[in-house]
Amino acid sequence: MAQSDINLLRDIVENGIGDCCTAAAVAVVKRDEVVFEHAAGVLNPELGSTPATEDTLFDLASLTKLFTTTVFLRLVEDEFVSLDEPVSSILSEFSGTREIAPFENPLAPGKYIEVSSGGTVDARDVTFRHLLTHTSGLPGWKPLYKLGSPDKIRDAVFHTDFAYLPGTNVVYSDLGFMVLGWTIEKLTDMPLNLAVSRYLTAPYQLASITYGPVPANTAAATEYCPWRGKRMQGEVHDENAWALGGVSGHAGLFGNVKDVAEFGRLWLHSVLGDSVLIESHLAQEAVSLQAEKGTTRRGLGWALWSPAETSPSNPLGPNTFGHTGFTGTSLYIDPDRELVVVALTNRVFYGRDARKIRDFRLKLHRTVVDLVG
């Protein structure tokens, strides 16, 4: 990449500081070569001017789901479990008849989302494929942190009302990935943080990727939380993950831009036929269309390319797969271009309006495509 191209990408990263975030780190990998890596901003302007670097830890938020997915698929490879068996075959508590009911909107407290009206669901009909494709029927979110203890949260998830019949809709669900995390714990007989380390981050030397808390002076700050009465820095932003001790299948991981990019590169190789992380046939299944609703297209754990012009995947190729995190993180992989793009930010430092981070990602991805072809 020419110096003028590098300067153009640096300008995009640095222009986002003070607008959509206080700290950002971006990496672009093309055919195994890191062609761009840059960090800008400060970790927490309220406490000083400690600069963000390529080693800064960011709250990965829902990028955690990709690591949960990867560990689960490794257990599928090892025949601990199969994609199409019922969740109840591993977690016996996840059974019984449930009502279909609206669930609270996480972005509008006090308001509810109704996906389907009336009826009941037998939880034994839910498979692990349903969880991975966000088609399980589980509600997208609930304010579980208000329940207090992890045991109460777990019980509430296992006995929750459903939002629709499994397999009939696509509703992004944190609860589904909480269940996947608990499944991994049951199958491996170890806490989720240790399972993620043993099956993924340790063998592939992704040393920075870890569940929090992490030292505050190494991490970009996120939102001021009225419920917790403090600015979050080094502790998980997600309230439900925090109430679970910071370790969950849906959120909780921290990591730096280098290791998230390496994780993306490992997935790219597996999809292209080099089974370095996941057996290629399973990796290819994970990034193939499994479920679709409108412009939302889902693989196993991964979001797939979307025709929606506001989707960060849209400027990339039609076989692109990736994910975003609520805190302002993203990982996208375009296998046709052999391209990995990672953008880690702390956009929730300024609140939960998603428009600025959406525009930042789109500008970054469009520019990368223009530069690398």
Foldseek 3Di string as FASTA:
>chain_A
DDPVLQVVLVCLQAVCDPPQFQKKWKWKAFPNRTPYIFIAGAQDVVVHGHTDGLFFKEFQFQVLLVLLLLLVLVCVVVVLDHQFAFLCVQVVLQWDKAWADWAADPVDGPDTDAPDDTDIETSRNAGNQLLQFQQRQAAADHLLLVVFALVSSVNCLSHDHGRDYGPPDHHHHLSSQQSSQVSQCRSVVHHSQVSSCVQPCVVLVQVFKGFDQDPQSRYRWAAQDVVVRGTDGSAHPDSVCVSHVQDGRRTGIMHGNVSVQVVLLQLLCLCVQNCPRHNNVVSVQQQDFDDDDQQWTGGRNWTAAGCPPLDLNPLADRSKIWDGRQQLWIWIARNVRSMIMTMGGRSNHVHRDCVSSSVSSNVSSNSVVVVSD
